[in-house]
Amino acid sequence: MTAMLPRLASEELWLLLSATRRNASRILVAAVGAMALCAPACALENVQFMVGTNPGGGYEQAARALGQAMIDARVAKSITYENKAGAGGTIALAQFVNSQRGNGDALLATGAVMIGAILQNKPPAALSDATPIACLFQEYNVFVVPAASPIKTMKDLIDLFKKDPVAVTWGGGSRGSIDQISIAHIARALGVDQSKVNYVPFQGGGEASAAIVGGHVTVGASGWGELAPLIQSGKVRPLAITAAARQPGNPTPTLKEFGLDVVHENWRGVYAAPGITPAQRRAITRAVVAATKQKSWLDALQKNAWTPSLIVDEAFEKFVAAEHVRIEALMRSVGLVR
């Protein structure tokens, strides 16, 4: 085209350049218009989170952090949360499956705790009745005592537990939770009869925290993120974590350092409603993935000592199937299910 320019008359050249500019303007306007149309259409409307614990639990922490990140990423216009505690989240699961069919804006907070609860409680609804979306992160549990407790170290707790198992009251999440599984494995490692383990389940992090701080249980167990504020404020003292090795920047010893080969990870994720279309599932998955790239989400990971572990689509479905096998084997090994 450059070689032809000297041969064109000035009027012809002006017409050619004007047409080129008009075409470019049309393309730009069309592109901007398409983006403007896509912005609201591509965003979810009112995302409704179902949370299977009372306020303050790990499910709610994960749901609220993800919800804020979805707003920040502009992939959701608004977020609402509904707490439905009971039976390790399986009551919420049943309500979610029965009431949200086909709703492309509904999400259920879930995790390893719910798998244990399903195995133990045998509820009318299973995770396979909902639509798997993503695993978000993994975390380790921590064992803590009130600041005024005479128990100073995990060794003190072990000695007391071996001497008089019934004297130790363990507080944690619902029956079948990673908390209870970890405690059962500690008892087995120490040769303590499972029938003598005094375990008190709570339906949410708020209840558990109040019981621990108030000295209503001897020792509490929960995810690090749930108990971190109490640890940092000095209201409780961490004794040990369920990691295989000490975590960066965290001086809390592991159970392995006290001769207990007990290593457990918890995880959190989200499911969508049953009966949604493939297009709805893709839209929800894209929204969740976009949210995990936001600063607010990355800040939540760091604040709560969550290890990012994003698994989506069929890979997440296979992961959950493998978790069913793993958790059932753990629970059978300590007699929590038969």
Protein backbone atom coordinates (compact mmCIF):
# COMPACT_ATOMS: atom_id res chain seq x y z
CA MET A 1 0.00 0.00 0.00
CA THR A 2 2.88 2.37 0.79
CA ALA A 3 4.26 1.98 -2.74
CA MET A 4 0.88 2.98 -4.22
CA LEU A 5 0.48 6.22 -2.26
CA PRO A 6 2.46 8.49 -4.64
CA ARG A 7 0.23 7.40 -7.55
CA LEU A 8 -3.03 8.32 -5.81
CA ALA A 9 -4.59 11.73 -6.31
CA SER A 10 -4.91 13.78 -3.14
CA GLU A 11 -8.71 13.42 -3.11
CA GLU A 12 -8.47 9.65 -3.54
CA LEU A 13 -5.88 9.46 -0.78
CA TRP A 14 -8.12 11.42 1.57
CA LEU A 15 -11.08 9.12 0.84
CA LEU A 16 -8.94 6.03 1.41
CA LEU A 17 -7.60 7.24 4.74
CA SER A 18 -11.06 8.39 5.88
CA ALA A 19 -12.52 4.96 5.12
CA THR A 20 -9.69 3.31 7.04
CA ARG A 21 -10.30 5.51 10.06
CA ARG A 22 -14.06 4.86 9.93
CA ASN A 23 -13.47 1.09 9.83
CA ALA A 24 -11.05 1.29 12.75
CA SER A 25 -13.56 3.36 14.72
CA ARG A 26 -16.32 0.84 14.01
CA ILE A 27 -14.07 -2.01 15.22
CA LEU A 28 -13.15 -0.13 18.39
CA VAL A 29 -16.79 0.79 19.15
CA ALA A 30 -17.86 -2.83 18.56
CA ALA A 31 -15.12 -4.14 20.87
CA VAL A 32 -16.00 -1.68 23.64
CA GLY A 33 -19.69 -2.46 23.20
CA ALA A 34 -19.03 -6.18 23.45
CA MET A 35 -17.04 -5.70 26.65
CA ALA A 36 -19.77 -3.52 28.10
CA LEU A 37 -22.37 -6.14 27.30
CA CYS A 38 -20.19 -8.95 28.65
CA ALA A 39 -19.36 -7.28 31.97
CA PRO A 40 -22.78 -7.74 33.61
CA ALA A 41 -23.63 -10.87 31.63
CA CYS A 42 -20.41 -12.63 32.58
CA ALA A 43 -20.75 -11.78 36.28
CA LEU A 44 -22.82 -13.89 38.64
CA GLU A 45 -25.80 -12.12 40.15
CA ASN A 46 -26.49 -12.63 43.85
CA VAL A 47 -24.16 -15.44 44.96
CA GLN A 48 -25.77 -17.36 47.84
CA PHE A 49 -23.35 -19.22 50.11
CA MET A 50 -24.64 -22.04 52.27
CA VAL A 51 -22.40 -22.47 55.33
CA GLY A 52 -22.73 -25.65 57.40
CA THR A 53 -21.64 -24.21 60.76
CA ASN A 54 -22.64 -21.52 63.20
CA PRO A 55 -20.87 -18.16 62.68
CA GLY A 56 -17.13 -18.17 63.21
CA GLY A 57 -16.30 -21.60 61.83
CA GLY A 58 -13.80 -22.61 59.17
CA TYR A 59 -16.50 -23.02 56.50
CA GLU A 60 -17.64 -19.45 57.10
CA GLN A 61 -14.08 -18.10 57.08
CA ALA A 62 -13.47 -19.66 53.69
CA ALA A 63 -16.85 -18.59 52.28
CA ARG A 64 -16.53 -14.97 53.37
CA ALA A 65 -12.95 -14.67 52.13
CA LEU A 66 -13.94 -16.12 48.76
CA GLY A 67 -17.07 -14.00 48.58
CA GLN A 68 -15.11 -10.79 49.16
CA ALA A 69 -12.58 -11.82 46.52
CA MET A 70 -15.40 -12.49 44.04
CA ILE A 71 -16.70 -8.96 44.62
CA ASP A 72 -13.18 -7.57 44.21
CA ALA A 73 -12.76 -9.49 40.95
CA ARG A 74 -16.14 -8.15 39.75
CA VAL A 75 -17.33 -11.65 38.97
CA ALA A 76 -20.23 -11.39 41.43
CA LYS A 77 -22.56 -8.45 41.96
CA SER A 78 -23.51 -9.32 45.53
CA ILE A 79 -22.99 -12.05 48.12
CA THR A 80 -25.26 -13.43 50.84
CA TYR A 81 -24.49 -16.05 53.46
CA GLU A 82 -26.77 -18.51 55.25
CA ASN A 83 -25.59 -20.51 58.25
CA LYS A 84 -27.19 -23.92 58.77
CA ALA A 85 -25.25 -25.76 61.46
CA GLY A 86 -25.53 -29.37 62.45
CA ALA A 87 -24.07 -32.83 61.84
CA GLY A 88 -20.77 -31.62 60.43
CA GLY A 89 -22.40 -29.60 57.66
CA THR A 90 -24.58 -32.44 56.36
CA ILE A 91 -27.79 -30.65 57.35
CA ALA A 92 -26.68 -27.72 55.20
CA LEU A 93 -25.77 -30.13 52.42
CA ALA A 94 -29.24 -31.68 52.44
CA GLN A 95 -30.97 -28.28 52.39
CA PHE A 96 -28.66 -27.07 49.63
CA VAL A 97 -29.32 -30.10 47.43
CA ASN A 98 -33.10 -29.97 47.99
CA SER A 99 -33.64 -26.22 47.61
CA GLN A 100 -31.09 -24.92 45.10
CA ARG A 101 -31.47 -27.24 42.10
CA GLY A 102 -30.59 -25.42 38.89
CA ASN A 103 -29.51 -22.24 40.69
CA GLY A 104 -26.35 -21.03 38.96
CA ASP A 105 -25.62 -18.52 41.74
CA ALA A 106 -25.59 -20.93 44.71
CA LEU A 107 -22.44 -22.23 46.41
CA LEU A 108 -21.88 -24.62 49.32
CA ALA A 109 -18.77 -24.33 51.51
CA THR A 110 -17.38 -27.78 52.18
CA GLY A 111 -14.25 -29.67 53.15
CA ALA A 112 -12.77 -32.79 54.69
CA VAL A 113 -14.95 -32.32 57.79
CA MET A 114 -18.09 -32.89 55.73
CA ILE A 115 -16.72 -36.14 54.31
CA GLY A 116 -16.12 -37.46 57.83
CA ALA A 117 -19.60 -36.36 58.87
CA ILE A 118 -21.16 -38.11 55.87
CA LEU A 119 -19.34 -41.33 56.73
CA GLN A 120 -20.40 -41.14 60.37
CA ASN A 121 -23.94 -39.78 60.09
CA LYS A 122 -25.06 -41.36 56.79
CA PRO A 123 -27.25 -38.35 55.84
CA PRO A 124 -29.93 -38.38 53.09
CA ALA A 125 -27.76 -36.26 50.77
CA ALA A 126 -24.20 -36.88 49.57
CA LEU A 127 -21.62 -34.56 48.04
CA SER A 128 -22.11 -36.43 44.78
CA ASP A 129 -25.65 -34.98 44.68
CA ALA A 130 -24.17 -31.47 44.24
CA THR A 131 -21.81 -30.15 41.55
CA PRO A 132 -18.08 -30.06 42.38
CA ILE A 133 -16.37 -26.75 41.61
CA ALA A 134 -13.05 -26.32 43.40
CA CYS A 135 -10.74 -27.14 46.27
CA LEU A 136 -9.36 -23.83 47.51
CA PHE A 137 -6.70 -24.50 50.15
CA GLN A 138 -5.36 -26.87 52.77
CA GLU A 139 -4.56 -26.17 56.40
CA TYR A 140 -3.19 -27.87 59.50
CA ASN A 141 -4.88 -28.24 62.84
CA VAL A 142 -3.48 -26.88 66.08
CA PHE A 143 -4.02 -28.01 69.69
CA VAL A 144 -4.34 -25.19 72.22
CA VAL A 145 -5.02 -24.67 75.93
CA PRO A 146 -6.26 -21.57 77.80
CA ALA A 147 -3.55 -19.13 78.80
CA ALA A 148 -4.13 -19.94 82.50
CA SER A 149 -3.90 -23.71 82.00
CA PRO A 150 -1.25 -25.57 84.04
CA ILE A 151 -0.50 -27.52 80.85
CA LYS A 152 2.47 -25.76 79.32
CA THR A 153 3.57 -28.16 76.59
CA MET A 154 2.26 -31.05 74.51
CA LYS A 155 4.35 -33.35 76.71
CA ASP A 156 2.39 -32.17 79.76
CA LEU A 157 -0.84 -33.00 77.96
CA ILE A 158 0.43 -36.42 76.86
CA ASP A 159 1.51 -37.29 80.39
CA LEU A 160 -1.88 -36.30 81.81
CA PHE A 161 -3.79 -38.12 79.08
CA LYS A 162 -1.83 -41.35 79.59
CA LYS A 163 -2.25 -41.16 83.37
CA ASP A 164 -5.97 -40.33 83.42
CA PRO A 165 -7.61 -40.23 79.94
CA VAL A 166 -11.07 -39.33 81.27
CA ALA A 167 -9.64 -36.23 83.00
CA VAL A 168 -8.80 -34.66 79.64
CA THR A 169 -11.70 -33.03 77.80
CA TRP A 170 -10.98 -32.43 74.12
CA GLY A 171 -13.02 -29.75 72.33
CA GLY A 172 -13.25 -29.60 68.55
CA GLY A 173 -15.46 -29.64 65.49
CA SER A 174 -18.41 -31.90 64.83
CA ARG A 175 -18.19 -35.67 65.10
CA GLY A 176 -16.21 -37.12 62.22
CA SER A 177 -14.14 -33.95 61.87
CA ILE A 178 -10.39 -33.87 61.30
CA ASP A 179 -10.17 -32.67 64.92
CA GLN A 180 -11.76 -35.85 66.25
CA ILE A 181 -9.81 -38.06 63.85
CA SER A 182 -6.51 -36.49 64.97
CA ILE A 183 -7.38 -36.96 68.66
CA ALA A 184 -8.36 -40.58 68.04
CA HIS A 185 -4.99 -41.19 66.39
CA ILE A 186 -3.17 -39.59 69.31
CA ALA A 187 -5.03 -41.93 71.66
CA ARG A 188 -4.15 -44.96 69.54
CA ALA A 189 -0.48 -43.93 69.37
CA LEU A 190 -0.40 -43.66 73.19
CA GLY A 191 -2.25 -46.91 73.75
CA VAL A 192 -5.28 -45.18 75.28
CA ASP A 193 -8.64 -46.94 75.02
CA GLN A 194 -10.88 -45.05 72.54
CA SER A 195 -13.88 -45.46 74.83
CA LYS A 196 -12.11 -43.27 77.40
CA VAL A 197 -11.56 -40.32 75.02
CA ASN A 198 -13.75 -37.47 76.28
CA TYR A 199 -14.52 -35.55 73.08
CA VAL A 200 -16.89 -32.56 73.00
CA PRO A 201 -18.04 -31.52 69.49
CA PHE A 202 -19.03 -27.94 68.64
CA GLN A 203 -21.11 -26.67 65.71
CA GLY A 204 -18.95 -23.63 64.96
CA GLY A 205 -15.67 -21.89 65.63
CA GLY A 206 -17.35 -19.26 67.80
CA GLU A 207 -18.72 -21.85 70.22
CA ALA A 208 -15.47 -23.79 70.31
CA SER A 209 -13.37 -20.67 70.91
CA ALA A 210 -15.58 -19.53 73.80
CA ALA A 211 -15.37 -22.98 75.41
CA ILE A 212 -11.59 -23.11 75.07
CA VAL A 213 -10.94 -19.60 76.40
CA GLY A 214 -13.42 -20.15 79.21
CA GLY A 215 -11.66 -23.33 80.33
CA HIS A 216 -14.74 -25.49 79.69
CA VAL A 217 -12.50 -28.01 77.89
CA THR A 218 -8.97 -29.04 78.78
CA VAL A 219 -7.64 -28.67 75.26
CA GLY A 220 -9.10 -27.42 71.99
CA ALA A 221 -8.41 -28.49 68.42
CA SER A 222 -9.21 -26.61 65.22
CA GLY A 223 -7.67 -25.21 62.06
CA TRP A 224 -4.85 -22.74 62.62
CA GLY A 225 -6.82 -19.98 60.88
CA GLU A 226 -9.75 -20.31 63.28
CA LEU A 227 -7.60 -20.14 66.41
CA ALA A 228 -4.91 -17.74 65.17
CA PRO A 229 -6.59 -14.60 66.60
CA LEU A 230 -6.76 -16.22 70.07
CA ILE A 231 -3.15 -17.38 69.81
CA GLN A 232 -1.95 -13.95 68.71
CA SER A 233 -3.88 -12.22 71.50
CA GLY A 234 -2.37 -14.54 74.10
CA LYS A 235 -5.74 -15.94 75.19
CA VAL A 236 -4.69 -19.49 74.32
CA ARG A 237 -1.33 -21.26 74.09
CA PRO A 238 -0.53 -23.49 71.09
CA LEU A 239 0.90 -26.91 71.99
CA ALA A 240 1.37 -28.66 68.64
CA ILE A 241 0.24 -28.74 65.02
CA THR A 242 -0.66 -31.67 62.78
CA ALA A 243 1.93 -30.85 60.09
CA ALA A 244 4.81 -33.14 59.14
CA ALA A 245 7.32 -30.34 59.86
CA ARG A 246 7.32 -26.94 61.51
CA GLN A 247 5.80 -24.28 59.32
CA PRO A 248 7.79 -21.22 58.14
CA GLY A 249 7.60 -18.42 60.67
CA ASN A 250 5.64 -20.57 63.13
CA PRO A 251 7.53 -21.89 66.19
CA THR A 252 4.73 -24.30 67.17
CA PRO A 253 6.14 -27.85 67.33
CA THR A 254 4.61 -30.77 65.47
CA LEU A 255 3.06 -33.86 67.04
CA LYS A 256 5.87 -35.88 65.48
CA GLU A 257 8.34 -34.03 67.72
CA PHE A 258 6.63 -35.69 70.71
CA GLY A 259 6.84 -39.16 69.21
CA LEU A 260 3.31 -39.10 67.75
CA ASP A 261 3.24 -40.04 64.08
CA VAL A 262 0.04 -38.08 63.48
CA VAL A 263 -0.06 -35.87 60.39
CA HIS A 264 -3.38 -34.56 59.09
CA GLU A 265 -4.39 -31.87 56.62
CA ASN A 266 -7.81 -30.31 56.33
CA TRP A 267 -9.07 -28.62 53.16
CA ARG A 268 -11.83 -26.28 52.12
CA GLY A 269 -13.69 -26.07 48.85
CA VAL A 270 -16.97 -25.16 47.18
CA TYR A 271 -19.73 -27.05 45.42
CA ALA A 272 -22.45 -25.65 43.19
CA ALA A 273 -26.09 -26.66 43.09
CA PRO A 274 -27.29 -29.87 41.48
CA GLY A 275 -28.91 -29.70 38.05
CA ILE A 276 -27.00 -26.68 36.72
CA THR A 277 -26.05 -26.55 33.05
CA PRO A 278 -22.48 -27.04 31.75
CA ALA A 279 -22.43 -23.31 30.91
CA GLN A 280 -23.44 -22.40 34.46
CA ARG A 281 -20.75 -24.67 35.87
CA ARG A 282 -18.11 -23.07 33.65
CA ALA A 283 -19.23 -19.58 34.70
CA ILE A 284 -19.05 -20.44 38.41
CA THR A 285 -15.66 -22.10 38.00
CA ARG A 286 -14.27 -19.08 36.12
CA ALA A 287 -15.59 -16.77 38.83
CA VAL A 288 -13.99 -18.81 41.63
CA VAL A 289 -10.65 -19.04 39.81
CA ALA A 290 -10.68 -15.28 39.16
CA ALA A 291 -11.38 -14.65 42.84
CA THR A 292 -8.34 -16.68 43.93
CA LYS A 293 -6.10 -14.20 42.07
CA GLN A 294 -7.31 -11.18 44.04
CA LYS A 295 -5.20 -9.45 46.69
CA SER A 296 -7.90 -9.90 49.32
CA TRP A 297 -7.81 -13.67 48.79
CA LEU A 298 -4.01 -13.82 48.85
CA ASP A 299 -4.06 -11.77 52.06
CA ALA A 300 -6.55 -14.23 53.61
CA LEU A 301 -4.28 -17.15 52.71
CA GLN A 302 -1.35 -15.51 54.48
CA LYS A 303 -3.34 -14.30 57.49
CA ASN A 304 -4.89 -17.71 58.19
CA ALA A 305 -1.85 -19.84 57.30
CA TRP A 306 -3.84 -21.50 54.49
CA THR A 307 -1.81 -23.33 51.87
CA PRO A 308 -3.25 -22.59 48.39
CA SER A 309 -4.38 -25.76 46.65
CA LEU A 310 -6.61 -24.86 43.71
CA ILE A 311 -8.12 -27.95 42.09
CA VAL A 312 -11.06 -27.58 39.70
CA ASP A 313 -13.45 -29.50 37.47
CA GLU A 314 -12.92 -33.25 37.01
CA ALA A 315 -9.63 -33.15 38.93
CA PHE A 316 -11.51 -31.87 41.99
CA GLU A 317 -14.13 -34.59 41.58
CA LYS A 318 -11.38 -37.24 41.58
CA PHE A 319 -9.71 -35.56 44.57
CA VAL A 320 -12.92 -35.76 46.62
CA ALA A 321 -13.40 -39.42 45.67
CA ALA A 322 -9.86 -40.14 46.89
CA GLU A 323 -10.55 -38.18 50.09
CA HIS A 324 -13.56 -40.38 50.81
CA VAL A 325 -11.30 -43.42 50.66
CA ARG A 326 -8.54 -41.80 52.74
CA ILE A 327 -10.79 -40.44 55.47
CA GLU A 328 -12.84 -43.61 55.74
CA ALA A 329 -9.62 -45.62 56.18
CA LEU A 330 -8.46 -43.22 58.92
CA MET A 331 -11.79 -43.40 60.72
CA ARG A 332 -11.96 -47.18 60.50
CA SER A 333 -8.44 -47.51 61.87
CA VAL A 334 -9.49 -45.84 65.13
CA GLY A 335 -13.01 -47.22 65.34
CA LEU A 336 -14.92 -44.04 64.48
CA VAL A 337 -16.82 -45.93 61.76
CA ARG A 338 -17.39 -49.64 61.30
